Amino acid sequence: MGAEELEEGYDENTEVTIKGTVKELVRGMRGPLILRIPYRDRNYHVVTAPIWYLRRQNLVFQSGLELEVTGSRFVSVDGTLYLVARKIREVKTGREIFFRDLRLRPCWRGMRSPRDMNFR
């Protein structure tokens, strides 16, 4: 599955929220950082954002971090369960990080007007 497919594919009809602890960080040469979070006996591969975007937002994900993730759920051809993150909340601090604007486009793509953004 290509990086662009992971970043662009968002279907609000498949949106779910999970809560769990990060078990693994998957870093590719390109594309988004993916977090593996077990939830209800399944491993979700949470698609976040490119590393450069995470750095600009001062985001550091690590194993053991408890998160609540809202995103679009899908299963790849090889059976991998993905969750394309729209919003992640750090359980301990309550900090919310948004990865999609109000039109569900990746926040790191192109210019956004302030009314399109949904940051807090």
N, C-alpha and C. Protein backbone atom coordinates (compact mmCIF):
# COMPACT_ATOMS: atom_id res chain seq x y z
N MET A 1 0.85 -1.18 0.00
CA MET A 1 0.00 0.00 0.00
C MET A 1 0.89 1.24 0.00
N GLY A 2 0.64 2.17 -0.92
CA GLY A 2 1.48 3.35 -1.06
C GLY A 2 1.19 4.40 0.00
N ALA A 3 2.19 5.24 0.27
CA ALA A 3 2.07 6.28 1.27
C ALA A 3 0.93 7.24 0.95
N GLU A 4 0.79 7.59 -0.33
CA GLU A 4 -0.27 8.53 -0.71
C GLU A 4 -1.65 7.94 -0.46
N GLU A 5 -1.82 6.65 -0.72
CA GLU A 5 -3.10 5.99 -0.46
C GLU A 5 -3.45 6.07 1.02
N LEU A 6 -2.46 5.83 1.87
CA LEU A 6 -2.69 5.87 3.32
C LEU A 6 -3.06 7.27 3.78
N GLU A 7 -2.41 8.28 3.23
CA GLU A 7 -2.65 9.65 3.65
C GLU A 7 -3.96 10.20 3.11
N GLU A 8 -4.31 9.88 1.88
CA GLU A 8 -5.47 10.49 1.24
C GLU A 8 -6.78 9.79 1.55
N GLY A 9 -6.75 8.49 1.79
CA GLY A 9 -7.98 7.74 1.97
C GLY A 9 -8.66 8.02 3.29
N TYR A 10 -9.78 8.72 3.28
CA TYR A 10 -10.53 8.96 4.50
C TYR A 10 -12.02 8.90 4.17
N ASP A 11 -12.72 7.99 4.85
CA ASP A 11 -14.15 7.82 4.64
C ASP A 11 -14.84 8.00 5.99
N GLU A 12 -15.54 9.13 6.15
CA GLU A 12 -16.18 9.42 7.44
C GLU A 12 -17.25 8.39 7.81
N ASN A 13 -17.72 7.61 6.84
CA ASN A 13 -18.71 6.57 7.12
C ASN A 13 -18.11 5.39 7.88
N THR A 14 -16.80 5.29 7.89
CA THR A 14 -16.13 4.19 8.59
C THR A 14 -15.42 4.69 9.85
N GLU A 15 -15.77 5.89 10.30
CA GLU A 15 -15.08 6.48 11.44
C GLU A 15 -15.41 5.77 12.74
N VAL A 16 -14.35 5.47 13.50
CA VAL A 16 -14.46 4.84 14.81
C VAL A 16 -13.48 5.53 15.75
N THR A 17 -13.66 5.28 17.05
CA THR A 17 -12.73 5.76 18.06
C THR A 17 -12.24 4.56 18.86
N ILE A 18 -10.91 4.49 19.01
CA ILE A 18 -10.31 3.43 19.82
C ILE A 18 -9.46 4.08 20.91
N LYS A 19 -9.20 3.32 21.97
CA LYS A 19 -8.34 3.79 23.04
C LYS A 19 -7.38 2.66 23.40
N GLY A 20 -6.09 2.97 23.41
CA GLY A 20 -5.12 1.94 23.71
C GLY A 20 -3.72 2.50 23.87
N THR A 21 -2.79 1.59 24.07
CA THR A 21 -1.40 1.92 24.31
C THR A 21 -0.56 1.60 23.09
N VAL A 22 0.27 2.54 22.69
CA VAL A 22 1.16 2.34 21.54
C VAL A 22 2.13 1.21 21.86
N LYS A 23 2.16 0.20 20.99
CA LYS A 23 3.06 -0.93 21.16
C LYS A 23 4.27 -0.85 20.25
N GLU A 24 4.12 -0.17 19.11
CA GLU A 24 5.21 -0.12 18.14
C GLU A 24 5.04 1.09 17.23
N LEU A 25 6.16 1.67 16.82
CA LEU A 25 6.18 2.73 15.82
C LEU A 25 6.76 2.16 14.55
N VAL A 26 6.05 2.34 13.43
CA VAL A 26 6.49 1.82 12.15
C VAL A 26 6.88 3.02 11.29
N ARG A 27 8.14 3.08 10.92
CA ARG A 27 8.63 4.21 10.13
C ARG A 27 9.09 3.70 8.78
N GLY A 28 8.54 4.28 7.75
CA GLY A 28 8.99 3.96 6.41
C GLY A 28 9.98 5.00 5.93
N MET A 29 10.51 4.80 4.76
CA MET A 29 11.41 5.78 4.17
C MET A 29 10.65 7.05 3.81
N ARG A 30 9.40 6.88 3.41
CA ARG A 30 8.54 8.01 3.04
C ARG A 30 7.17 7.77 3.63
N GLY A 31 6.36 8.79 3.60
CA GLY A 31 5.00 8.62 4.06
C GLY A 31 4.83 8.84 5.54
N PRO A 32 3.66 8.49 6.05
CA PRO A 32 3.30 8.80 7.44
C PRO A 32 3.92 7.83 8.45
N LEU A 33 4.03 8.32 9.67
CA LEU A 33 4.39 7.45 10.79
C LEU A 33 3.15 6.63 11.13
N ILE A 34 3.35 5.34 11.36
CA ILE A 34 2.24 4.46 11.71
C ILE A 34 2.48 3.91 13.10
N LEU A 35 1.44 3.96 13.94
CA LEU A 35 1.50 3.46 15.31
C LEU A 35 0.71 2.17 15.38
N ARG A 36 1.29 1.13 16.00
CA ARG A 36 0.52 -0.10 16.20
C ARG A 36 -0.07 -0.05 17.60
N ILE A 37 -1.42 -0.10 17.64
CA ILE A 37 -2.15 -0.02 18.90
C ILE A 37 -3.12 -1.19 18.99
N PRO A 38 -2.92 -2.12 19.92
CA PRO A 38 -3.89 -3.20 20.12
C PRO A 38 -5.18 -2.63 20.74
N TYR A 39 -6.32 -3.12 20.24
CA TYR A 39 -7.62 -2.71 20.76
C TYR A 39 -8.60 -3.84 20.51
N ARG A 40 -9.22 -4.33 21.58
CA ARG A 40 -10.20 -5.42 21.50
C ARG A 40 -9.68 -6.61 20.68
N ASP A 41 -8.52 -7.10 21.07
CA ASP A 41 -7.93 -8.29 20.44
C ASP A 41 -7.57 -8.11 18.97
N ARG A 42 -7.45 -6.88 18.51
CA ARG A 42 -7.03 -6.61 17.12
C ARG A 42 -5.87 -5.62 17.16
N ASN A 43 -5.00 -5.67 16.18
CA ASN A 43 -3.92 -4.69 16.06
C ASN A 43 -4.32 -3.65 15.03
N TYR A 44 -4.50 -2.42 15.48
CA TYR A 44 -4.78 -1.31 14.56
C TYR A 44 -3.45 -0.66 14.19
N HIS A 45 -3.27 -0.37 12.91
CA HIS A 45 -2.12 0.36 12.42
C HIS A 45 -2.61 1.79 12.16
N VAL A 46 -2.33 2.67 13.11
CA VAL A 46 -2.84 4.04 13.07
C VAL A 46 -1.93 4.91 12.21
N VAL A 47 -2.51 5.43 11.13
CA VAL A 47 -1.78 6.28 10.18
C VAL A 47 -1.87 7.72 10.69
N THR A 48 -0.70 8.32 10.99
CA THR A 48 -0.69 9.68 11.53
C THR A 48 -0.38 10.69 10.44
N ALA A 49 0.88 11.09 10.31
CA ALA A 49 1.29 12.13 9.37
C ALA A 49 2.77 11.94 9.04
N PRO A 50 3.25 12.65 8.01
CA PRO A 50 4.69 12.58 7.72
C PRO A 50 5.51 13.06 8.92
N ILE A 51 6.70 12.53 9.07
CA ILE A 51 7.58 12.87 10.19
C ILE A 51 7.82 14.38 10.27
N TRP A 52 8.01 15.04 9.13
CA TRP A 52 8.29 16.48 9.16
C TRP A 52 7.12 17.26 9.75
N TYR A 53 5.89 16.81 9.50
CA TYR A 53 4.70 17.48 10.05
C TYR A 53 4.64 17.26 11.56
N LEU A 54 4.91 16.03 12.00
CA LEU A 54 4.90 15.73 13.43
C LEU A 54 5.92 16.60 14.17
N ARG A 55 7.09 16.77 13.57
CA ARG A 55 8.13 17.61 14.19
C ARG A 55 7.66 19.05 14.30
N ARG A 56 7.04 19.57 13.25
CA ARG A 56 6.54 20.96 13.28
C ARG A 56 5.49 21.16 14.36
N GLN A 57 4.74 20.12 14.65
CA GLN A 57 3.70 20.19 15.67
C GLN A 57 4.23 19.83 17.07
N ASN A 58 5.54 19.60 17.15
CA ASN A 58 6.18 19.17 18.41
C ASN A 58 5.55 17.91 18.97
N LEU A 59 5.31 16.94 18.09
CA LEU A 59 4.71 15.67 18.50
C LEU A 59 5.77 14.59 18.55
N VAL A 60 5.79 13.88 19.66
CA VAL A 60 6.69 12.75 19.82
C VAL A 60 5.85 11.58 20.31
N PHE A 61 5.72 10.57 19.47
CA PHE A 61 5.02 9.35 19.86
C PHE A 61 6.05 8.33 20.28
N GLN A 62 5.70 7.54 21.29
CA GLN A 62 6.60 6.50 21.77
C GLN A 62 5.81 5.31 22.29
N SER A 63 6.46 4.17 22.33
CA SER A 63 5.82 2.98 22.89
C SER A 63 5.42 3.26 24.33
N GLY A 64 4.26 2.74 24.72
CA GLY A 64 3.77 2.92 26.08
C GLY A 64 2.84 4.11 26.26
N LEU A 65 2.74 4.97 25.26
CA LEU A 65 1.89 6.16 25.33
C LEU A 65 0.43 5.74 25.15
N GLU A 66 -0.45 6.16 26.06
CA GLU A 66 -1.86 5.83 25.94
C GLU A 66 -2.58 6.92 25.14
N LEU A 67 -3.28 6.48 24.08
CA LEU A 67 -3.94 7.41 23.17
C LEU A 67 -5.39 7.02 22.92
N GLU A 68 -6.18 8.02 22.60
CA GLU A 68 -7.53 7.81 22.07
C GLU A 68 -7.49 8.34 20.64
N VAL A 69 -7.85 7.49 19.69
CA VAL A 69 -7.73 7.83 18.28
C VAL A 69 -9.09 7.76 17.60
N THR A 70 -9.43 8.82 16.89
CA THR A 70 -10.63 8.82 16.05
C THR A 70 -10.17 8.87 14.61
N GLY A 71 -10.68 7.93 13.80
CA GLY A 71 -10.25 7.89 12.42
C GLY A 71 -11.08 6.97 11.57
N SER A 72 -10.71 6.89 10.31
CA SER A 72 -11.39 6.08 9.30
C SER A 72 -10.75 4.69 9.27
N ARG A 73 -11.56 3.68 9.53
CA ARG A 73 -11.08 2.30 9.61
C ARG A 73 -11.19 1.62 8.24
N PHE A 74 -10.12 0.88 7.87
CA PHE A 74 -10.20 0.06 6.67
C PHE A 74 -9.22 -1.10 6.76
N VAL A 75 -9.48 -2.12 5.98
CA VAL A 75 -8.63 -3.30 5.93
C VAL A 75 -7.98 -3.36 4.56
N SER A 76 -6.65 -3.51 4.53
CA SER A 76 -5.93 -3.58 3.27
C SER A 76 -6.12 -4.94 2.62
N VAL A 77 -5.68 -5.06 1.39
CA VAL A 77 -5.80 -6.31 0.64
C VAL A 77 -5.12 -7.47 1.37
N ASP A 78 -4.01 -7.17 2.07
CA ASP A 78 -3.29 -8.23 2.79
C ASP A 78 -3.87 -8.51 4.18
N GLY A 79 -4.98 -7.85 4.53
CA GLY A 79 -5.65 -8.11 5.81
C GLY A 79 -5.22 -7.23 6.96
N THR A 80 -4.32 -6.27 6.72
CA THR A 80 -3.87 -5.36 7.77
C THR A 80 -4.98 -4.37 8.10
N LEU A 81 -5.27 -4.19 9.38
CA LEU A 81 -6.30 -3.27 9.85
C LEU A 81 -5.69 -1.89 10.09
N TYR A 82 -6.16 -0.90 9.35
CA TYR A 82 -5.66 0.47 9.46
C TYR A 82 -6.71 1.40 10.04
N LEU A 83 -6.23 2.46 10.67
CA LEU A 83 -7.08 3.54 11.13
C LEU A 83 -6.39 4.84 10.73
N VAL A 84 -6.95 5.54 9.74
CA VAL A 84 -6.38 6.81 9.28
C VAL A 84 -6.85 7.88 10.26
N ALA A 85 -5.92 8.41 11.05
CA ALA A 85 -6.26 9.32 12.14
C ALA A 85 -6.80 10.66 11.66
N ARG A 86 -7.92 11.05 12.24
CA ARG A 86 -8.44 12.42 12.08
C ARG A 86 -8.01 13.24 13.29
N LYS A 87 -8.06 12.57 14.46
CA LYS A 87 -7.73 13.25 15.72
C LYS A 87 -7.14 12.23 16.68
N ILE A 88 -6.12 12.64 17.42
CA ILE A 88 -5.55 11.81 18.47
C ILE A 88 -5.52 12.63 19.75
N ARG A 89 -5.96 12.01 20.84
CA ARG A 89 -5.92 12.65 22.16
C ARG A 89 -4.97 11.86 23.04
N GLU A 90 -4.00 12.56 23.64
CA GLU A 90 -3.13 11.94 24.62
C GLU A 90 -3.92 11.81 25.91
N VAL A 91 -4.12 10.60 26.39
CA VAL A 91 -4.99 10.36 27.54
C VAL A 91 -4.45 11.06 28.79
N LYS A 92 -3.17 10.97 29.04
CA LYS A 92 -2.59 11.53 30.27
C LYS A 92 -2.71 13.05 30.34
N THR A 93 -2.44 13.73 29.23
CA THR A 93 -2.43 15.20 29.24
C THR A 93 -3.72 15.82 28.73
N GLY A 94 -4.50 15.05 27.96
CA GLY A 94 -5.72 15.59 27.35
C GLY A 94 -5.46 16.37 26.08
N ARG A 95 -4.20 16.49 25.66
CA ARG A 95 -3.87 17.23 24.44
C ARG A 95 -4.47 16.55 23.23
N GLU A 96 -5.13 17.33 22.37
CA GLU A 96 -5.71 16.81 21.13
C GLU A 96 -4.89 17.30 19.95
N ILE A 97 -4.61 16.38 19.03
CA ILE A 97 -3.86 16.68 17.84
C ILE A 97 -4.74 16.33 16.65
N PHE A 98 -4.91 17.28 15.73
CA PHE A 98 -5.74 17.05 14.56
C PHE A 98 -4.87 16.79 13.34
N PHE A 99 -5.26 15.80 12.55
CA PHE A 99 -4.54 15.42 11.34
C PHE A 99 -5.37 15.70 10.09
N ARG A 100 -6.63 16.00 10.24
CA ARG A 100 -7.54 16.30 9.13
C ARG A 100 -8.24 17.62 9.41
N ASP A 101 -8.47 18.40 8.35
CA ASP A 101 -9.21 19.65 8.52
C ASP A 101 -10.71 19.34 8.49
N LEU A 102 -11.54 20.36 8.51
CA LEU A 102 -13.00 20.17 8.54
C LEU A 102 -13.53 19.49 7.28
N ARG A 103 -12.77 19.57 6.20
CA ARG A 103 -13.15 18.89 4.94
C ARG A 103 -12.49 17.52 4.82
N LEU A 104 -11.86 17.07 5.92
CA LEU A 104 -11.22 15.76 6.04
C LEU A 104 -9.98 15.59 5.17
N ARG A 105 -9.38 16.70 4.77
CA ARG A 105 -8.13 16.66 4.01
C ARG A 105 -6.96 16.67 5.00
N PRO A 106 -5.84 16.03 4.64
CA PRO A 106 -4.67 16.07 5.53
C PRO A 106 -4.24 17.51 5.81
N CYS A 107 -3.98 17.82 7.05
CA CYS A 107 -3.62 19.18 7.45
C CYS A 107 -2.29 19.64 6.86
N TRP A 108 -1.45 18.72 6.46
CA TRP A 108 -0.14 19.08 5.91
C TRP A 108 -0.17 19.31 4.41
N ARG A 109 -1.31 19.17 3.77
CA ARG A 109 -1.41 19.34 2.31
C ARG A 109 -1.90 20.74 1.96
N GLY A 110 -1.06 21.52 1.26
CA GLY A 110 -1.48 22.82 0.73
C GLY A 110 -1.82 23.84 1.80
N MET A 111 -2.33 24.96 1.34
CA MET A 111 -2.68 26.05 2.23
C MET A 111 -4.10 25.86 2.77
N ARG A 112 -4.31 26.26 3.99
CA ARG A 112 -5.64 26.16 4.61
C ARG A 112 -6.04 27.53 5.13
N SER A 113 -7.32 27.86 4.96
CA SER A 113 -7.80 29.08 5.58
C SER A 113 -8.11 28.75 7.05
N PRO A 114 -8.07 29.74 7.94
CA PRO A 114 -8.32 29.48 9.36
C PRO A 114 -9.67 28.80 9.60
N ARG A 115 -10.68 29.08 8.80
CA ARG A 115 -11.99 28.46 9.04
C ARG A 115 -12.03 26.98 8.68
N ASP A 116 -11.07 26.51 7.87
CA ASP A 116 -10.99 25.09 7.53
C ASP A 116 -10.36 24.26 8.64
N MET A 117 -9.53 24.90 9.45
CA MET A 117 -8.79 24.17 10.47
C MET A 117 -9.68 23.94 11.69
N ASN A 118 -9.42 22.86 12.39
CA ASN A 118 -10.20 22.56 13.59
C ASN A 118 -9.28 22.30 14.78
N PHE A 119 -8.15 23.01 14.85
CA PHE A 119 -7.23 22.86 15.97
C PHE A 119 -7.81 23.54 17.20
N ARG A 120 -7.39 23.03 18.36
CA ARG A 120 -7.77 23.67 19.63
C ARG A 120 -6.53 24.14 20.33
